[in-house]
Protein backbone atom coordinates (compact mmCIF):
# COMPACT_ATOMS: atom_id res chain seq x y z
CA MET A 1 4.79 -13.44 24.10
CA THR A 2 1.53 -14.65 22.54
CA ASP A 3 0.67 -15.38 18.91
CA SER A 4 -1.12 -12.04 18.75
CA GLU A 5 1.95 -10.18 20.02
CA TYR A 6 4.24 -11.81 17.47
CA MET A 7 1.70 -11.06 14.73
CA GLN A 8 1.57 -7.44 15.89
CA GLN A 9 5.32 -7.26 15.38
CA ALA A 10 4.88 -8.62 11.86
CA LEU A 11 2.18 -6.02 11.16
CA SER A 12 4.47 -3.26 12.41
CA LEU A 13 7.15 -4.42 9.98
CA ALA A 14 4.67 -4.52 7.10
CA LYS A 15 3.60 -0.92 7.76
CA ARG A 16 7.13 0.28 7.07
CA ALA A 17 6.54 -0.29 3.36
CA LYS A 18 2.93 0.89 3.18
CA GLY A 19 2.60 2.73 -0.12
CA VAL A 20 5.80 1.56 -1.79
CA THR A 21 4.96 -2.06 -2.74
CA SER A 22 2.19 -1.38 -5.28
CA PRO A 23 0.72 -3.32 -6.97
CA ASN A 24 1.68 -5.85 -4.30
CA PRO A 25 0.34 -5.71 -0.74
CA CYS A 26 2.61 -4.80 2.16
CA VAL A 27 3.51 -7.88 4.23
CA GLY A 28 5.59 -8.48 7.34
CA ALA A 29 7.00 -11.66 8.90
CA VAL A 30 8.89 -12.81 11.98
CA VAL A 31 10.54 -16.13 12.80
CA VAL A 32 10.30 -17.28 16.44
CA LYS A 33 12.22 -20.12 18.07
CA ASP A 34 12.07 -21.04 21.74
CA GLY A 35 10.25 -17.79 22.50
CA ILE A 36 12.86 -15.60 20.82
CA ILE A 37 12.55 -13.68 17.54
CA VAL A 38 15.42 -15.00 15.42
CA GLY A 39 14.46 -13.45 12.09
CA GLN A 40 12.27 -10.72 10.70
CA GLY A 41 11.56 -9.02 7.41
CA TYR A 42 9.03 -7.24 5.25
CA HIS A 43 8.25 -6.84 1.55
CA ARG A 44 10.02 -3.64 0.52
CA LYS A 45 9.03 -3.22 -3.14
CA ALA A 46 7.35 -5.03 -6.02
CA GLY A 47 9.75 -7.48 -7.61
CA GLY A 48 11.88 -7.70 -4.47
CA PRO A 49 12.03 -10.51 -1.90
CA HIS A 50 8.80 -11.22 -0.06
CA ALA A 51 8.54 -10.81 3.70
CA GLU A 52 8.86 -14.53 4.39
CA VAL A 53 12.08 -14.76 2.37
CA GLU A 54 13.60 -11.80 4.19
CA ALA A 55 12.65 -13.22 7.59
CA LEU A 56 13.91 -16.73 6.81
CA ASP A 57 17.19 -15.41 5.40
CA ASP A 58 17.58 -13.30 8.52
CA ALA A 59 17.00 -16.35 10.72
CA GLY A 60 19.40 -18.57 8.77
CA SER A 61 19.85 -22.01 10.35
CA ASN A 62 17.72 -20.94 13.33
CA ALA A 63 14.66 -21.28 11.08
CA ALA A 64 14.73 -25.09 11.42
CA GLY A 65 12.02 -26.14 13.87
CA ALA A 66 10.85 -22.55 14.35
CA THR A 67 7.47 -20.83 13.89
CA LEU A 68 6.91 -18.30 11.11
CA TYR A 69 4.41 -15.49 11.69
CA VAL A 70 3.29 -13.73 8.51
CA THR A 71 0.55 -11.13 8.00
CA LEU A 72 -0.67 -12.59 4.69
CA GLU A 73 -0.90 -16.17 3.47
CA PRO A 74 2.40 -17.16 1.79
CA CYS A 75 2.22 -17.18 -2.00
CA HIS A 76 2.25 -20.49 -3.86
CA HIS A 77 2.70 -19.29 -7.43
CA PHE A 78 5.53 -18.15 -9.65
CA GLY A 79 5.58 -14.43 -10.42
CA LYS A 80 8.53 -12.08 -10.36
CA THR A 81 9.84 -14.24 -7.49
CA PRO A 82 9.51 -17.98 -6.72
CA PRO A 83 6.77 -19.26 -4.38
CA CYS A 84 7.39 -18.43 -0.73
CA THR A 85 5.88 -21.80 0.23
CA HIS A 86 8.87 -23.61 -1.30
CA LYS A 87 11.28 -21.46 0.71
CA ILE A 88 9.33 -22.18 3.90
CA VAL A 89 9.34 -25.95 3.35
CA GLY A 90 13.03 -25.90 2.47
CA SER A 91 13.84 -24.00 5.68
CA ASN A 92 12.28 -26.77 7.81
CA ILE A 93 9.83 -24.44 9.50
CA LYS A 94 7.64 -26.37 11.95
CA LYS A 95 4.61 -24.07 12.11
CA VAL A 96 3.20 -21.11 10.18
CA VAL A 97 0.83 -18.58 11.74
CA VAL A 98 -1.07 -16.45 9.21
CA GLY A 99 -2.85 -13.14 9.73
CA CYS A 100 -5.27 -13.39 6.81
CA LYS A 101 -5.89 -15.59 3.80
CA ASP A 102 -4.79 -14.33 0.39
CA PRO A 103 -7.84 -12.39 -0.93
CA ASN A 104 -7.06 -13.22 -4.55
CA PRO A 105 -9.88 -15.63 -5.51
CA PHE A 106 -7.56 -17.51 -7.88
CA VAL A 107 -4.87 -18.31 -5.30
CA GLY A 108 -6.41 -17.88 -1.84
CA GLY A 109 -5.92 -20.93 0.38
CA GLY A 110 -3.46 -22.66 -1.94
CA GLY A 111 -0.40 -21.62 0.02
CA MET A 112 -1.73 -22.90 3.32
CA ARG A 113 -2.86 -26.18 1.77
CA PHE A 114 0.58 -26.78 0.28
CA LEU A 115 2.27 -26.16 3.62
CA GLU A 116 -0.08 -28.58 5.41
CA GLU A 117 0.47 -31.20 2.71
CA ASN A 118 4.17 -30.93 3.46
CA GLY A 119 3.76 -31.58 7.17
CA ILE A 120 3.76 -27.99 8.45
CA GLU A 121 1.17 -26.97 11.03
CA VAL A 122 -0.81 -23.92 9.87
CA VAL A 123 -2.88 -21.56 12.03
CA SER A 124 -4.74 -18.66 10.42
CA GLY A 125 -6.89 -15.72 11.50
CA ILE A 126 -4.55 -14.21 14.11
CA LEU A 127 -5.26 -10.44 14.20
CA GLU A 128 -7.17 -11.05 10.98
CA GLU A 129 -9.09 -7.75 10.94
CA GLU A 130 -5.90 -5.74 11.48
CA ALA A 131 -4.18 -7.70 8.73
CA LYS A 132 -7.08 -7.11 6.33
CA THR A 133 -7.29 -3.41 7.11
CA LEU A 134 -3.60 -3.02 6.36
CA ILE A 135 -4.13 -4.30 2.81
CA GLU A 136 -7.70 -3.10 2.21
CA ASP A 137 -6.64 -1.48 -1.07
CA PHE A 138 -5.20 -4.76 -2.35
CA ILE A 139 -8.27 -6.71 -1.19
CA TRP A 140 -10.51 -4.35 -3.18
CA TYR A 141 -8.23 -4.46 -6.24
CA VAL A 142 -8.08 -8.26 -6.59
CA GLY A 143 -11.72 -8.75 -5.64
CA ASN A 144 -13.18 -6.20 -8.07
CA ASP A 145 -11.57 -6.93 -11.42
CA LYS A 146 -8.60 -4.62 -10.72
CA LYS A 147 -10.71 -1.52 -10.14
CA PRO A 148 -8.75 1.12 -8.23
CA PHE A 149 -9.34 1.65 -4.53
CA VAL A 150 -10.52 5.26 -4.21
CA ILE A 151 -10.22 7.49 -1.15
CA LEU A 152 -12.31 10.67 -1.04
CA LYS A 153 -10.61 13.47 0.89
CA ALA A 154 -12.71 16.50 1.81
CA ALA A 155 -12.31 19.16 4.48
CA SER A 156 -15.50 20.87 5.64
CA THR A 157 -16.83 22.94 8.49
CA LEU A 158 -19.47 21.64 10.89
CA ASP A 159 -22.18 23.24 8.74
CA GLY A 160 -20.95 21.45 5.62
CA ARG A 161 -18.99 24.25 3.96
CA THR A 162 -15.65 23.70 2.22
CA ALA A 163 -14.79 27.39 1.93
CA THR A 164 -16.12 30.89 2.67
CA ARG A 165 -18.20 32.76 0.09
CA THR A 166 -14.98 34.44 -1.07
CA GLY A 167 -13.32 31.06 -1.62
CA ASP A 168 -11.03 31.19 1.42
CA SER A 169 -10.45 27.74 2.93
CA LYS A 170 -7.10 27.96 4.73
CA TRP A 171 -7.20 26.34 7.16
CA ILE A 172 -10.41 24.42 7.86
CA THR A 173 -8.49 21.48 9.29
CA GLY A 174 -5.72 21.25 11.87
CA SER A 175 -2.11 20.09 11.81
CA ALA A 176 -2.98 16.48 12.73
CA SER A 177 -5.45 16.22 9.86
CA ARG A 178 -3.01 17.71 7.36
CA ALA A 179 -0.30 15.28 8.51
CA PHE A 180 -2.73 12.40 7.94
CA VAL A 181 -3.43 13.64 4.41
CA HIS A 182 0.28 13.61 3.59
CA GLN A 183 0.51 10.06 4.92
CA ILE A 184 -2.34 9.06 2.58
CA ARG A 185 -0.57 10.72 -0.35
CA HIS A 186 2.57 8.75 0.46
CA GLU A 187 0.57 5.51 0.46
CA THR A 188 -1.38 5.99 -2.79
CA ASP A 189 -0.49 5.64 -6.46
CA ALA A 190 -2.25 8.78 -7.72
CA ILE A 191 -4.08 11.90 -6.59
CA LEU A 192 -6.86 13.51 -8.66
CA ILE A 193 -8.19 17.08 -8.72
CA GLY A 194 -10.26 19.21 -11.10
CA SER A 195 -9.01 22.17 -13.10
CA GLY A 196 -10.93 24.50 -10.77
CA THR A 197 -8.80 23.41 -7.84
CA LEU A 198 -5.69 23.80 -9.94
CA HIS A 199 -6.57 27.37 -10.90
CA SER A 200 -7.68 28.48 -7.44
CA ASP A 201 -5.13 26.70 -5.23
CA ASN A 202 -2.30 25.56 -7.53
CA PRO A 203 -1.47 22.70 -5.12
CA SER A 204 1.82 20.82 -5.28
CA LEU A 205 0.05 17.49 -4.52
CA THR A 206 3.22 16.02 -3.03
CA ALA A 207 3.71 13.96 0.12
CA ARG A 208 5.66 15.80 2.80
CA ILE A 209 6.35 13.97 6.06
CA GLU A 210 9.10 15.17 8.37
CA GLY A 211 11.91 12.65 8.71
CA VAL A 212 10.50 10.32 6.03
CA GLU A 213 11.69 9.77 2.47
CA THR A 214 8.28 10.03 0.86
CA ARG A 215 6.89 8.76 -2.42
CA ASP A 216 4.85 11.30 -4.38
CA PRO A 217 1.74 10.04 -6.16
CA ALA A 218 1.12 10.59 -9.84
CA ARG A 219 -1.00 13.72 -10.30
CA ILE A 220 -4.20 13.61 -12.39
CA ILE A 221 -6.01 16.84 -13.34
CA LEU A 222 -9.47 16.71 -14.94
CA ASP A 223 -10.09 19.58 -17.38
CA THR A 224 -13.38 19.16 -19.24
CA HIS A 225 -13.18 22.41 -21.22
CA LEU A 226 -9.41 22.59 -21.78
CA THR A 227 -9.01 25.68 -19.63
CA ILE A 228 -5.42 24.93 -18.64
CA LYS A 229 -3.00 26.99 -20.68
CA GLU A 230 0.23 25.64 -22.11
CA LYS A 231 2.13 28.01 -19.82
CA ARG A 232 0.04 26.96 -16.92
CA PRO A 233 0.22 26.88 -13.16
CA GLY A 234 0.33 23.43 -11.67
CA PRO A 235 2.51 20.81 -10.08
CA ASP A 236 6.21 21.25 -10.74
CA PRO A 237 7.12 18.66 -13.42
CA GLY A 238 10.53 18.31 -11.75
CA ILE A 239 9.14 16.62 -8.64
CA GLN A 240 8.53 12.88 -8.30
CA GLY A 241 5.75 11.25 -10.28
CA PRO A 242 4.15 12.20 -13.60
CA ASN A 243 1.40 14.73 -14.28
CA HIS A 244 -1.63 13.56 -16.31
CA TYR A 245 -4.14 16.02 -17.78
CA CYS A 246 -7.45 14.45 -18.79
CA HIS A 247 -10.40 15.70 -20.85
CA PRO A 248 -13.33 13.75 -22.36
CA HIS A 249 -13.23 14.94 -25.98
CA PRO A 250 -10.71 15.30 -28.81
CA CYS A 251 -8.87 18.63 -28.75
CA PRO A 252 -10.49 21.39 -30.89
CA THR A 253 -8.54 22.59 -33.90
CA GLY A 254 -5.68 24.82 -32.88
CA LYS A 255 -5.77 23.74 -29.23
CA LYS A 256 -3.72 21.09 -27.57
CA SER A 257 -3.48 19.43 -24.19
CA PRO A 258 -0.68 20.55 -21.91
CA SER A 259 2.12 18.01 -21.96
C-alpha cells in the first residue's frame, strides 16, 4: 500500500466520529510496520484520547520503528489531554506522515517541529485537501476568531421556488437529499429556523439515520415579534439537545419567552 492509501484509511477512521468531537476536529490515525497495519484509532469525543494515542495503544510494542499516519498534525500543547507528540516520541515511532498542518495559527507547525527535533522523520501534505475538507468547520472556527461555521440548507425547484402559492413544499427534494440533510444535522452543533417555519411546518429538527445512533443538534428558533405561545407547537423538549428561543428586544409587560 502507498502513503495515500494508508492516509485514506486514517481519514475513514476519522469520519466515524464526524459531528461528535466538537469543539475538537475529527482525526484518524494508523500505525504501519513492515507494510502491515498494526494499530489504528480515532478521536471519539472531546476530552477523550486523541487518534494518535488510540492508534499507538492499539499497536503496543509494535509501534517501535513503525510509521504513524495521522490526518491532522499531532498536538504539542497541554489541554484536556497531554501532548500527542510526547506519546509519539515515547513510543519510538520512526516516521510520521501527516495529512494537513494544524490550522490553529497559535500552534500550527509546532508539533511537526518537535517531532523532527527528536529525530523523527516527518512528511506532510498527503491527501491534504481531503484532510482539510474533513475538518473545514474547525479550520473556519480557529481561523476566524471562533465564529461559527454556518451551512445554509435550502430546497428549491428549478425555477427558484421553495413552495407552491398555497405553501405546499412536500417534497421538493428526493430521498437521497433528505438523507444528506439528516447527516448534516448529525454533524452540526445547532440548527436554526424562524418562527414562521415553526408555525407552518412544526419540524422536529432531529437527526434520523437508519442504523446509526445519531446526535441531535441544539434547536434555535428566531421569533422577532414573540408570536410563539407558551403552549406552543415545536420540537419535543424530551428529545436530545436543548431548544433556544431568541428575540431581539426585552419582553413586553405581561409577555414572556417560552422556556
